[in-house]
Amino acid sequence: MTTNLFGENRTLVGHRDQEWSVWVSGMDDIHNRETLGGALNLANELNAIFADLRFRSDSKYSPVMHAVVLHHGYAWTVNTEHALGLDCGVPACEPCSLDRAEPSDKSAPTS
């Protein structure tokens, strides 16, 4: 089976009900995160560790692993989400933020 991470026929590798997570390829581990920032930080740390492990190994059989940010179970990039007409999840993204519901402010005074 071929895993297609990007494009129209992309493979679901995580869980649809989890907004943000990180998938570790090779191990098929899923690490749930509350925010995009948390997922990006974890993926960055894991990829740095995997690179270091790879550089320290002299074996051609060392496993290759990657940490991939997932949005609702699918591999995430801003461009992929935009190409598919989806909200990328980046708080400061103007095109996406226009369609987002305004957060309710329960502490705001009412007239």
PDB file of N, CA and C in Angstrom:
ATOM      1  N   MET A   1       0.841  -1.179   0.000  1.00  0.00           N
ATOM      2  CA  MET A   1       0.000   0.000   0.000  1.00  0.00           C
ATOM      3  C   MET A   1       0.887   1.243   0.000  1.00  0.00           C
ATOM      4  N   THR A   2       0.560   2.198  -0.811  1.00  0.00           N
ATOM      5  CA  THR A   2       1.297   3.447  -0.898  1.00  0.00           C
ATOM      6  C   THR A   2       0.664   4.478   0.026  1.00  0.00           C
ATOM      7  N   THR A   3       1.504   5.160   0.783  1.00  0.00           N
ATOM      8  CA  THR A   3       1.030   6.240   1.635  1.00  0.00           C
ATOM      9  C   THR A   3       1.242   7.552   0.908  1.00  0.00           C
ATOM     10  N   ASN A   4       0.150   8.221   0.609  1.00  0.00           N
ATOM     11  CA  ASN A   4       0.187   9.509  -0.064  1.00  0.00           C
ATOM     12  C   ASN A   4      -0.151  10.560   0.988  1.00  0.00           C
ATOM     13  N   LEU A   5       0.836  11.357   1.403  1.00  0.00           N
ATOM     14  CA  LEU A   5       0.602  12.324   2.469  1.00  0.00           C
ATOM     15  C   LEU A   5      -0.082  13.603   2.003  1.00  0.00           C
ATOM     16  N   PHE A   6       0.101  13.986   0.744  1.00  0.00           N
ATOM     17  CA  PHE A   6      -0.428  15.264   0.275  1.00  0.00           C
ATOM     18  C   PHE A   6      -1.239  15.089  -1.002  1.00  0.00           C
ATOM     19  N   GLY A   7      -2.110  16.026  -1.265  1.00  0.00           N
ATOM     20  CA  GLY A   7      -2.930  15.980  -2.465  1.00  0.00           C
ATOM     21  C   GLY A   7      -4.347  15.529  -2.168  1.00  0.00           C
ATOM     22  N   GLU A   8      -5.106  15.368  -3.225  1.00  0.00           N
ATOM     23  CA  GLU A   8      -6.522  15.033  -3.079  1.00  0.00           C
ATOM     24  C   GLU A   8      -6.768  13.663  -2.466  1.00  0.00           C
ATOM     25  N   ASN A   9      -5.942  12.701  -2.781  1.00  0.00           N
ATOM     26  CA  ASN A   9      -6.139  11.336  -2.287  1.00  0.00           C
ATOM     27  C   ASN A   9      -5.183  11.004  -1.154  1.00  0.00           C
ATOM     28  N   ARG A  10      -4.988  11.948  -0.254  1.00  0.00           N
ATOM     29  CA  ARG A  10      -4.036  11.735   0.833  1.00  0.00           C
ATOM     30  C   ARG A  10      -4.538  10.690   1.817  1.00  0.00           C
ATOM     31  N   THR A  11      -3.586  10.061   2.479  1.00  0.00           N
ATOM     32  CA  THR A  11      -3.872   8.963   3.396  1.00  0.00           C
ATOM     33  C   THR A  11      -4.108   9.487   4.807  1.00  0.00           C
ATOM     34  N   LEU A  12      -5.159   9.025   5.441  1.00  0.00           N
ATOM     35  CA  LEU A  12      -5.420   9.329   6.838  1.00  0.00           C
ATOM     36  C   LEU A  12      -4.463   8.485   7.675  1.00  0.00           C
ATOM     37  N   VAL A  13      -3.532   9.122   8.377  1.00  0.00           N
ATOM     38  CA  VAL A  13      -2.563   8.374   9.188  1.00  0.00           C
ATOM     39  C   VAL A  13      -2.794   8.570  10.675  1.00  0.00           C
ATOM     40  N   GLY A  14      -3.663   9.512  11.020  1.00  0.00           N
ATOM     41  CA  GLY A  14      -3.970   9.778  12.419  1.00  0.00           C
ATOM     42  C   GLY A  14      -5.443   9.594  12.693  1.00  0.00           C
ATOM     43  N   HIS A  15      -5.962  10.431  13.571  1.00  0.00           N
ATOM     44  CA  HIS A  15      -7.365  10.345  14.000  1.00  0.00           C
ATOM     45  C   HIS A  15      -8.108  11.620  13.609  1.00  0.00           C
ATOM     46  N   ARG A  16      -9.209  11.448  12.897  1.00  0.00           N
ATOM     47  CA  ARG A  16      -9.991  12.603  12.432  1.00  0.00           C
ATOM     48  C   ARG A  16     -10.458  13.500  13.583  1.00  0.00           C
ATOM     49  N   ASP A  17     -10.757  12.897  14.730  1.00  0.00           N
ATOM     50  CA  ASP A  17     -11.304  13.676  15.839  1.00  0.00           C
ATOM     51  C   ASP A  17     -10.242  14.448  16.629  1.00  0.00           C
ATOM     52  N   GLN A  18      -8.962  14.241  16.339  1.00  0.00           N
ATOM     53  CA  GLN A  18      -7.893  14.994  17.002  1.00  0.00           C
ATOM     54  C   GLN A  18      -7.457  16.127  16.095  1.00  0.00           C
ATOM     55  N   GLU A  19      -7.688  17.364  16.523  1.00  0.00           N
ATOM     56  CA  GLU A  19      -7.367  18.496  15.647  1.00  0.00           C
ATOM     57  C   GLU A  19      -5.884  18.532  15.300  1.00  0.00           C
ATOM     58  N   TRP A  20      -5.006  18.466  16.310  1.00  0.00           N
ATOM     59  CA  TRP A  20      -3.553  18.535  16.070  1.00  0.00           C
ATOM     60  C   TRP A  20      -2.856  17.360  16.712  1.00  0.00           C
ATOM     61  N   SER A  21      -1.936  16.761  15.972  1.00  0.00           N
ATOM     62  CA  SER A  21      -1.116  15.668  16.500  1.00  0.00           C
ATOM     63  C   SER A  21       0.147  15.565  15.660  1.00  0.00           C
ATOM     64  N   VAL A  22       1.035  14.697  16.114  1.00  0.00           N
ATOM     65  CA  VAL A  22       2.290  14.443  15.394  1.00  0.00           C
ATOM     66  C   VAL A  22       2.389  12.939  15.193  1.00  0.00           C
ATOM     67  N   TRP A  23       2.615  12.541  13.956  1.00  0.00           N
ATOM     68  CA  TRP A  23       2.780  11.136  13.582  1.00  0.00           C
ATOM     69  C   TRP A  23       4.262  10.881  13.374  1.00  0.00           C
ATOM     70  N   VAL A  24       4.778   9.817  13.990  1.00  0.00           N
ATOM     71  CA  VAL A  24       6.159   9.413  13.780  1.00  0.00           C
ATOM     72  C   VAL A  24       6.153   8.254  12.803  1.00  0.00           C
ATOM     73  N   SER A  25       6.625   8.522  11.581  1.00  0.00           N
ATOM     74  CA  SER A  25       6.655   7.475  10.558  1.00  0.00           C
ATOM     75  C   SER A  25       7.632   6.396  10.977  1.00  0.00           C
ATOM     76  N   GLY A  26       7.414   5.213  10.516  1.00  0.00           N
ATOM     77  CA  GLY A  26       8.274   4.084  10.867  1.00  0.00           C
ATOM     78  C   GLY A  26       7.824   3.407  12.148  1.00  0.00           C
ATOM     79  N   MET A  27       7.482   4.213  13.135  1.00  0.00           N
ATOM     80  CA  MET A  27       6.994   3.681  14.410  1.00  0.00           C
ATOM     81  C   MET A  27       5.472   3.699  14.470  1.00  0.00           C
ATOM     82  N   ASP A  28       4.867   4.517  13.621  1.00  0.00           N
ATOM     83  CA  ASP A  28       3.415   4.745  13.601  1.00  0.00           C
ATOM     84  C   ASP A  28       2.872   5.196  14.948  1.00  0.00           C
ATOM     85  N   ASP A  29       3.655   5.992  15.669  1.00  0.00           N
ATOM     86  CA  ASP A  29       3.185   6.586  16.927  1.00  0.00           C
ATOM     87  C   ASP A  29       2.451   7.886  16.623  1.00  0.00           C
ATOM     88  N   ILE A  30       1.401   8.142  17.378  1.00  0.00           N
ATOM     89  CA  ILE A  30       0.657   9.390  17.269  1.00  0.00           C
ATOM     90  C   ILE A  30       0.739  10.085  18.630  1.00  0.00           C
ATOM     91  N   HIS A  31       1.161  11.341  18.611  1.00  0.00           N
ATOM     92  CA  HIS A  31       1.260  12.147  19.828  1.00  0.00           C
ATOM     93  C   HIS A  31       0.300  13.325  19.690  1.00  0.00           C
ATOM     94  N   ASN A  32      -0.774  13.318  20.464  1.00  0.00           N
ATOM     95  CA  ASN A  32      -1.780  14.366  20.389  1.00  0.00           C
ATOM     96  C   ASN A  32      -1.261  15.653  21.022  1.00  0.00           C
ATOM     97  N   ARG A  33      -1.653  16.782  20.444  1.00  0.00           N
ATOM     98  CA  ARG A  33      -1.289  18.095  20.952  1.00  0.00           C
ATOM     99  C   ARG A  33      -2.530  18.985  20.919  1.00  0.00           C
ATOM    100  N   GLU A  34      -2.568  19.957  21.802  1.00  0.00           N
ATOM    101  CA  GLU A  34      -3.722  20.855  21.909  1.00  0.00           C
ATOM    102  C   GLU A  34      -3.735  21.937  20.837  1.00  0.00           C
ATOM    103  N   THR A  35      -2.542  22.338  20.368  1.00  0.00           N
ATOM    104  CA  THR A  35      -2.463  23.464  19.437  1.00  0.00           C
ATOM    105  C   THR A  35      -1.526  23.147  18.277  1.00  0.00           C
ATOM    106  N   LEU A  36      -1.637  23.944  17.225  1.00  0.00           N
ATOM    107  CA  LEU A  36      -0.708  23.846  16.105  1.00  0.00           C
ATOM    108  C   LEU A  36       0.711  24.118  16.588  1.00  0.00           C
ATOM    109  N   GLY A  37       0.891  25.128  17.419  1.00  0.00           N
ATOM    110  CA  GLY A  37       2.219  25.449  17.942  1.00  0.00           C
ATOM    111  C   GLY A  37       2.829  24.293  18.705  1.00  0.00           C
ATOM    112  N   GLY A  38       2.031  23.624  19.517  1.00  0.00           N
ATOM    113  CA  GLY A  38       2.520  22.466  20.261  1.00  0.00           C
ATOM    114  C   GLY A  38       2.935  21.334  19.339  1.00  0.00           C
ATOM    115  N   ALA A  39       2.154  21.118  18.272  1.00  0.00           N
ATOM    116  CA  ALA A  39       2.491  20.069  17.304  1.00  0.00           C
ATOM    117  C   ALA A  39       3.764  20.419  16.540  1.00  0.00           C
ATOM    118  N   LEU A  40       3.893  21.678  16.143  1.00  0.00           N
ATOM    119  CA  LEU A  40       5.099  22.109  15.424  1.00  0.00           C
ATOM    120  C   LEU A  40       6.341  21.977  16.314  1.00  0.00           C
ATOM    121  N   ASN A  41       6.225  22.368  17.572  1.00  0.00           N
ATOM    122  CA  ASN A  41       7.366  22.252  18.492  1.00  0.00           C
ATOM    123  C   ASN A  41       7.795  20.803  18.670  1.00  0.00           C
ATOM    124  N   LEU A  42       6.821  19.905  18.888  1.00  0.00           N
ATOM    125  CA  LEU A  42       7.162  18.497  19.069  1.00  0.00           C
ATOM    126  C   LEU A  42       7.787  17.919  17.808  1.00  0.00           C
ATOM    127  N   ALA A  43       7.204  18.211  16.642  1.00  0.00           N
ATOM    128  CA  ALA A  43       7.750  17.693  15.381  1.00  0.00           C
ATOM    129  C   ALA A  43       9.173  18.192  15.174  1.00  0.00           C
ATOM    130  N   ASN A  44       9.417  19.453  15.475  1.00  0.00           N
ATOM    131  CA  ASN A  44      10.757  20.021  15.341  1.00  0.00           C
ATOM    132  C   ASN A  44      11.756  19.290  16.235  1.00  0.00           C
ATOM    133  N   GLU A  45      11.390  19.095  17.501  1.00  0.00           N
ATOM    134  CA  GLU A  45      12.284  18.404  18.436  1.00  0.00           C
ATOM    135  C   GLU A  45      12.558  16.969  17.996  1.00  0.00           C
ATOM    136  N   LEU A  46      11.505  16.259  17.609  1.00  0.00           N
ATOM    137  CA  LEU A  46      11.681  14.868  17.194  1.00  0.00           C
ATOM    138  C   LEU A  46      12.528  14.772  15.929  1.00  0.00           C
ATOM    139  N   ASN A  47      12.288  15.619  14.956  1.00  0.00           N
ATOM    140  CA  ASN A  47      13.075  15.572  13.723  1.00  0.00           C
ATOM    141  C   ASN A  47      14.541  15.896  13.985  1.00  0.00           C
ATOM    142  N   ALA A  48      14.810  16.798  14.908  1.00  0.00           N
ATOM    143  CA  ALA A  48      16.201  17.099  15.268  1.00  0.00           C
ATOM    144  C   ALA A  48      16.862  15.878  15.916  1.00  0.00           C
ATOM    145  N   ILE A  49      16.142  15.208  16.795  1.00  0.00           N
ATOM    146  CA  ILE A  49      16.671  13.992  17.436  1.00  0.00           C
ATOM    147  C   ILE A  49      16.910  12.903  16.399  1.00  0.00           C
ATOM    148  N   PHE A  50      15.953  12.709  15.488  1.00  0.00           N
ATOM    149  CA  PHE A  50      16.112  11.673  14.458  1.00  0.00           C
ATOM    150  C   PHE A  50      17.314  11.973  13.564  1.00  0.00           C
ATOM    151  N   ALA A  51      17.515  13.229  13.224  1.00  0.00           N
ATOM    152  CA  ALA A  51      18.672  13.597  12.397  1.00  0.00           C
ATOM    153  C   ALA A  51      19.962  13.309  13.137  1.00  0.00           C
ATOM    154  N   ASP A  52      20.015  13.660  14.410  1.00  0.00           N
ATOM    155  CA  ASP A  52      21.215  13.416  15.214  1.00  0.00           C
ATOM    156  C   ASP A  52      21.507  11.914  15.306  1.00  0.00           C
ATOM    157  N   LEU A  53      20.473  11.122  15.554  1.00  0.00           N
ATOM    158  CA  LEU A  53      20.665   9.665  15.625  1.00  0.00           C
ATOM    159  C   LEU A  53      21.193   9.119  14.309  1.00  0.00           C
ATOM    160  N   ARG A  54      20.670   9.625  13.211  1.00  0.00           N
ATOM    161  CA  ARG A  54      21.092   9.165  11.890  1.00  0.00           C
ATOM    162  C   ARG A  54      22.548   9.540  11.619  1.00  0.00           C
ATOM    163  N   PHE A  55      22.934  10.763  11.980  1.00  0.00           N
ATOM    164  CA  PHE A  55      24.311  11.212  11.764  1.00  0.00           C
ATOM    165  C   PHE A  55      25.303  10.442  12.625  1.00  0.00           C
ATOM    166  N   ARG A  56      24.883   9.991  13.794  1.00  0.00           N
ATOM    167  CA  ARG A  56      25.770   9.263  14.710  1.00  0.00           C
ATOM    168  C   ARG A  56      25.920   7.784  14.343  1.00  0.00           C
ATOM    169  N   SER A  57      25.034   7.283  13.511  1.00  0.00           N
ATOM    170  CA  SER A  57      25.054   5.869  13.151  1.00  0.00           C
ATOM    171  C   SER A  57      25.895   5.648  11.896  1.00  0.00           C
ATOM    172  N   ASP A  58      26.683   4.600  11.931  1.00  0.00           N
ATOM    173  CA  ASP A  58      27.453   4.261  10.733  1.00  0.00           C
ATOM    174  C   ASP A  58      26.848   3.063  10.001  1.00  0.00           C
ATOM    175  N   SER A  59      25.674   2.644  10.438  1.00  0.00           N
ATOM    176  CA  SER A  59      25.001   1.507   9.812  1.00  0.00           C
ATOM    177  C   SER A  59      24.091   1.982   8.686  1.00  0.00           C
ATOM    178  N   LYS A  60      24.154   1.288   7.567  1.00  0.00           N
ATOM    179  CA  LYS A  60      23.248   1.629   6.463  1.00  0.00           C
ATOM    180  C   LYS A  60      21.833   1.123   6.738  1.00  0.00           C
ATOM    181  N   TYR A  61      21.672   0.377   7.840  1.00  0.00           N
ATOM    182  CA  TYR A  61      20.362  -0.167   8.189  1.00  0.00           C
ATOM    183  C   TYR A  61      19.665   0.625   9.295  1.00  0.00           C
ATOM    184  N   SER A  62      20.199   1.776   9.639  1.00  0.00           N
ATOM    185  CA  SER A  62      19.546   2.605  10.652  1.00  0.00           C
ATOM    186  C   SER A  62      18.165   3.010  10.154  1.00  0.00           C
ATOM    187  N   PRO A  63      17.174   2.946  11.033  1.00  0.00           N
ATOM    188  CA  PRO A  63      15.828   3.328  10.590  1.00  0.00           C
ATOM    189  C   PRO A  63      15.746   4.816  10.290  1.00  0.00           C
ATOM    190  N   VAL A  64      14.909   5.146   9.342  1.00  0.00           N
ATOM    191  CA  VAL A  64      14.649   6.538   9.007  1.00  0.00           C
ATOM    192  C   VAL A  64      13.247   6.854   9.502  1.00  0.00           C
ATOM    193  N   MET A  65      13.155   7.860  10.352  1.00  0.00           N
ATOM    194  CA  MET A  65      11.863   8.261  10.899  1.00  0.00           C
ATOM    195  C   MET A  65      11.695   9.753  10.675  1.00  0.00           C
ATOM    196  N   HIS A  66      10.451  10.151  10.543  1.00  0.00           N
ATOM    197  CA  HIS A  66      10.110  11.560  10.392  1.00  0.00           C
ATOM    198  C   HIS A  66       8.929  11.860  11.299  1.00  0.00           C
ATOM    199  N   ALA A  67       8.919  13.057  11.853  1.00  0.00           N
ATOM    200  CA  ALA A  67       7.779  13.523  12.638  1.00  0.00           C
ATOM    201  C   ALA A  67       6.972  14.464  11.753  1.00  0.00           C
ATOM    202  N   VAL A  68       5.711  14.126  11.536  1.00  0.00           N
ATOM    203  CA  VAL A  68       4.849  14.872  10.617  1.00  0.00           C
ATOM    204  C   VAL A  68       3.670  15.443  11.398  1.00  0.00           C
ATOM    205  N   VAL A  69       3.449  16.747  11.277  1.00  0.00           N
ATOM    206  CA  VAL A  69       2.302  17.383  11.919  1.00  0.00           C
ATOM    207  C   VAL A  69       1.037  16.938  11.191  1.00  0.00           C
ATOM    208  N   LEU A  70       0.024  16.566  11.968  1.00  0.00           N
ATOM    209  CA  LEU A  70      -1.267  16.144  11.418  1.00  0.00           C
ATOM    210  C   LEU A  70      -2.352  17.122  11.837  1.00  0.00           C
ATOM    211  N   HIS A  71      -3.282  17.362  10.922  1.00  0.00           N
ATOM    212  CA  HIS A  71      -4.477  18.164  11.203  1.00  0.00           C
ATOM    213  C   HIS A  71      -5.672  17.284  10.904  1.00  0.00           C
ATOM    214  N   HIS A  72      -6.402  16.931  11.942  1.00  0.00           N
ATOM    215  CA  HIS A  72      -7.526  16.004  11.826  1.00  0.00           C
ATOM    216  C   HIS A  72      -7.101  14.699  11.145  1.00  0.00           C
ATOM    217  N   GLY A  73      -5.881  14.243  11.463  1.00  0.00           N
ATOM    218  CA  GLY A  73      -5.413  12.942  10.997  1.00  0.00           C
ATOM    219  C   GLY A  73      -4.656  12.936   9.687  1.00  0.00           C
ATOM    220  N   TYR A  74      -4.601  14.068   9.006  1.00  0.00           N
ATOM    221  CA  TYR A  74      -3.918  14.154   7.716  1.00  0.00           C
ATOM    222  C   TYR A  74      -2.649  15.001   7.834  1.00  0.00           C
ATOM    223  N   ALA A  75      -1.628  14.658   7.047  1.00  0.00           N
ATOM    224  CA  ALA A  75      -0.388  15.430   7.033  1.00  0.00           C
ATOM    225  C   ALA A  75      -0.721  16.881   6.713  1.00  0.00           C
ATOM    226  N   TRP A  76      -0.100  17.778   7.477  1.00  0.00           N
ATOM    227  CA  TRP A  76      -0.441  19.192   7.407  1.00  0.00           C
ATOM    228  C   TRP A  76       0.681  20.038   6.847  1.00  0.00           C
ATOM    229  N   THR A  77       0.337  20.905   5.918  1.00  0.00           N
ATOM    230  CA  THR A  77       1.127  22.075   5.549  1.00  0.00           C
ATOM    231  C   THR A  77       0.106  23.154   5.212  1.00  0.00           C
ATOM    232  N   VAL A  78       0.491  24.393   5.358  1.00  0.00           N
ATOM    233  CA  VAL A  78      -0.404  25.493   5.016  1.00  0.00           C
ATOM    234  C   VAL A  78      -0.847  25.374   3.561  1.00  0.00           C
ATOM    235  N   ASN A  79       0.105  25.133   2.670  1.00  0.00           N
ATOM    236  CA  ASN A  79      -0.226  25.061   1.239  1.00  0.00           C
ATOM    237  C   ASN A  79      -1.163  23.914   0.916  1.00  0.00           C
ATOM    238  N   THR A  80      -0.988  22.772   1.574  1.00  0.00           N
ATOM    239  CA  THR A  80      -1.878  21.634   1.325  1.00  0.00           C
ATOM    240  C   THR A  80      -3.304  21.973   1.738  1.00  0.00           C
ATOM    241  N   GLU A  81      -3.456  22.552   2.932  1.00  0.00           N
ATOM    242  CA  GLU A  81      -4.793  22.900   3.408  1.00  0.00           C
ATOM    243  C   GLU A  81      -5.451  23.920   2.479  1.00  0.00           C
ATOM    244  N   HIS A  82      -4.693  24.933   2.080  1.00  0.00           N
ATOM    245  CA  HIS A  82      -5.245  25.951   1.177  1.00  0.00           C
ATOM    246  C   HIS A  82      -5.619  25.345  -0.181  1.00  0.00           C
ATOM    247  N   ALA A  83      -4.777  24.472  -0.716  1.00  0.00           N
ATOM    248  CA  ALA A  83      -5.061  23.854  -2.021  1.00  0.00           C
ATOM    249  C   ALA A  83      -6.341  23.032  -1.979  1.00  0.00           C
ATOM    250  N   LEU A  84      -6.638  22.459  -0.818  1.00  0.00           N
ATOM    251  CA  LEU A  84      -7.847  21.653  -0.669  1.00  0.00           C
ATOM    252  C   LEU A  84      -9.045  22.485  -0.206  1.00  0.00           C
ATOM    253  N   GLY A  85      -8.851  23.801  -0.081  1.00  0.00           N
ATOM    254  CA  GLY A  85      -9.939  24.681   0.336  1.00  0.00           C
ATOM    255  C   GLY A  85     -10.288  24.559   1.806  1.00  0.00           C
ATOM    256  N   LEU A  86      -9.316  24.143   2.626  1.00  0.00           N
ATOM    257  CA  LEU A  86      -9.553  23.955   4.057  1.00  0.00           C
ATOM    258  C   LEU A  86      -8.892  25.068   4.865  1.00  0.00           C
ATOM    259  N   ASP A  87      -9.372  25.267   6.067  1.00  0.00           N
ATOM    260  CA  ASP A  87      -8.762  26.209   6.996  1.00  0.00           C
ATOM    261  C   ASP A  87      -7.431  25.619   7.440  1.00  0.00           C
ATOM    262  N   CYS A  88      -6.348  26.378   7.252  1.00  0.00           N
ATOM    263  CA  CYS A  88      -5.012  25.874   7.573  1.00  0.00           C
ATOM    264  C   CYS A  88      -4.755  25.787   9.073  1.00  0.00           C
ATOM    265  N   GLY A  89      -5.527  26.510   9.867  1.00  0.00           N
ATOM    266  CA  GLY A  89      -5.367  26.461  11.311  1.00  0.00           C
ATOM    267  C   GLY A  89      -4.390  27.471  11.879  1.00  0.00           C
ATOM    268  N   VAL A  90      -3.704  28.206  11.031  1.00  0.00           N
ATOM    269  CA  VAL A  90      -2.750  29.216  11.502  1.00  0.00           C
ATOM    270  C   VAL A  90      -3.557  30.422  11.978  1.00  0.00           C
ATOM    271  N   PRO A  91      -3.424  30.791  13.251  1.00  0.00           N
ATOM    272  CA  PRO A  91      -4.235  31.898  13.780  1.00  0.00           C
ATOM    273  C   PRO A  91      -4.123  33.195  12.985  1.00  0.00           C
ATOM    274  N   ALA A  92      -2.946  33.518  12.466  1.00  0.00           N
ATOM    275  CA  ALA A  92      -2.747  34.790  11.767  1.00  0.00           C
ATOM    276  C   ALA A  92      -3.026  34.724  10.272  1.00  0.00           C
ATOM    277  N   CYS A  93      -3.516  33.611   9.766  1.00  0.00           N
ATOM    278  CA  CYS A  93      -3.783  33.480   8.329  1.00  0.00           C
ATOM    279  C   CYS A  93      -5.044  34.274   7.979  1.00  0.00           C
ATOM    280  N   GLU A  94      -4.866  35.356   7.236  1.00  0.00           N
ATOM    281  CA  GLU A  94      -6.004  36.218   6.913  1.00  0.00           C
ATOM    282  C   GLU A  94      -7.090  35.529   6.093  1.00  0.00           C
ATOM    283  N   PRO A  95      -6.741  34.820   5.005  1.00  0.00           N
ATOM    284  CA  PRO A  95      -7.824  34.182   4.232  1.00  0.00           C
ATOM    285  C   PRO A  95      -8.642  33.199   5.073  1.00  0.00           C
ATOM    286  N   CYS A  96      -7.974  32.428   5.911  1.00  0.00           N
ATOM    287  CA  CYS A  96      -8.693  31.447   6.720  1.00  0.00           C
ATOM    288  C   CYS A  96      -9.457  32.102   7.862  1.00  0.00           C
ATOM    289  N   SER A  97      -8.878  33.137   8.466  1.00  0.00           N
ATOM    290  CA  SER A  97      -9.513  33.757   9.626  1.00  0.00           C
ATOM    291  C   SER A  97     -10.815  34.471   9.257  1.00  0.00           C
ATOM    292  N   LEU A  98     -10.992  34.826   7.988  1.00  0.00           N
ATOM    293  CA  LEU A  98     -12.229  35.475   7.566  1.00  0.00           C
ATOM    294  C   LEU A  98     -13.427  34.548   7.723  1.00  0.00           C
ATOM    295  N   ASP A  99     -13.213  33.242   7.589  1.00  0.00           N
ATOM    296  CA  ASP A  99     -14.304  32.275   7.681  1.00  0.00           C
ATOM    297  C   ASP A  99     -14.470  31.670   9.071  1.00  0.00           C
ATOM    298  N   ARG A 100     -13.582  32.008  10.001  1.00  0.00           N
ATOM    299  CA  ARG A 100     -13.672  31.441  11.343  1.00  0.00           C
ATOM    300  C   ARG A 100     -14.724  32.162  12.169  1.00  0.00           C
ATOM    301  N   ALA A 101     -15.378  31.399  12.999  1.00  0.00           N
ATOM    302  CA  ALA A 101     -16.339  31.991  13.915  1.00  0.00           C
ATOM    303  C   ALA A 101     -15.588  32.828  14.940  1.00  0.00           C
ATOM    304  N   GLU A 102     -16.165  33.941  15.313  1.00  0.00           N
ATOM    305  CA  GLU A 102     -15.565  34.784  16.341  1.00  0.00           C
ATOM    306  C   GLU A 102     -15.662  34.067  17.679  1.00  0.00           C
ATOM    307  N   PRO A 103     -14.558  34.049  18.441  1.00  0.00           N
ATOM    308  CA  PRO A 103     -14.649  33.429  19.770  1.00  0.00           C
ATOM    309  C   PRO A 103     -15.549  34.271  20.658  1.00  0.00           C
ATOM    310  N   SER A 104     -16.355  33.607  21.453  1.00  0.00           N
ATOM    311  CA  SER A 104     -17.260  34.356  22.329  1.00  0.00           C
ATOM    312  C   SER A 104     -16.475  34.846  23.541  1.00  0.00           C
ATOM    313  N   ASP A 105     -16.725  36.077  23.909  1.00  0.00           N
ATOM    314  CA  ASP A 105     -16.071  36.664  25.061  1.00  0.00           C
ATOM    315  C   ASP A 105     -17.117  36.828  26.143  1.00  0.00           C
ATOM    316  N   LYS A 106     -17.140  35.880  27.063  1.00  0.00           N
ATOM    317  CA  LYS A 106     -18.180  35.873  28.097  1.00  0.00           C
ATOM    318  C   LYS A 106     -17.965  36.978  29.122  1.00  0.00           C
ATOM    319  N   SER A 107     -16.759  37.555  29.161  1.00  0.00           N
ATOM    320  CA  SER A 107     -16.496  38.609  30.144  1.00  0.00           C
ATOM    321  C   SER A 107     -16.822  39.995  29.595  1.00  0.00           C
ATOM    322  N   ALA A 108     -17.162  40.092  28.324  1.00  0.00           N
ATOM    323  CA  ALA A 108     -17.474  41.395  27.725  1.00  0.00           C
ATOM    324  C   ALA A 108     -18.812  41.904  28.268  1.00  0.00           C
ATOM    325  N   PRO A 109     -18.851  43.202  28.560  1.00  0.00           N
ATOM    326  CA  PRO A 109     -20.126  43.746  29.058  1.00  0.00           C
ATOM    327  C   PRO A 109     -21.176  43.770  27.965  1.00  0.00           C
ATOM    328  N   THR A 110     -22.390  43.587  28.347  1.00  0.00           N
ATOM    329  CA  THR A 110     -23.513  43.644  27.398  1.00  0.00           C
ATOM    330  C   THR A 110     -24.274  44.933  27.644  1.00  0.00           C
ATOM    331  N   SER A 111     -24.904  45.455  26.606  1.00  0.00           N
ATOM    332  CA  SER A 111     -25.624  46.720  26.787  1.00  0.00           C
ATOM    333  C   SER A 111     -27.077  46.527  27.043  1.00  0.00           C
TER     334      SER A 111
END
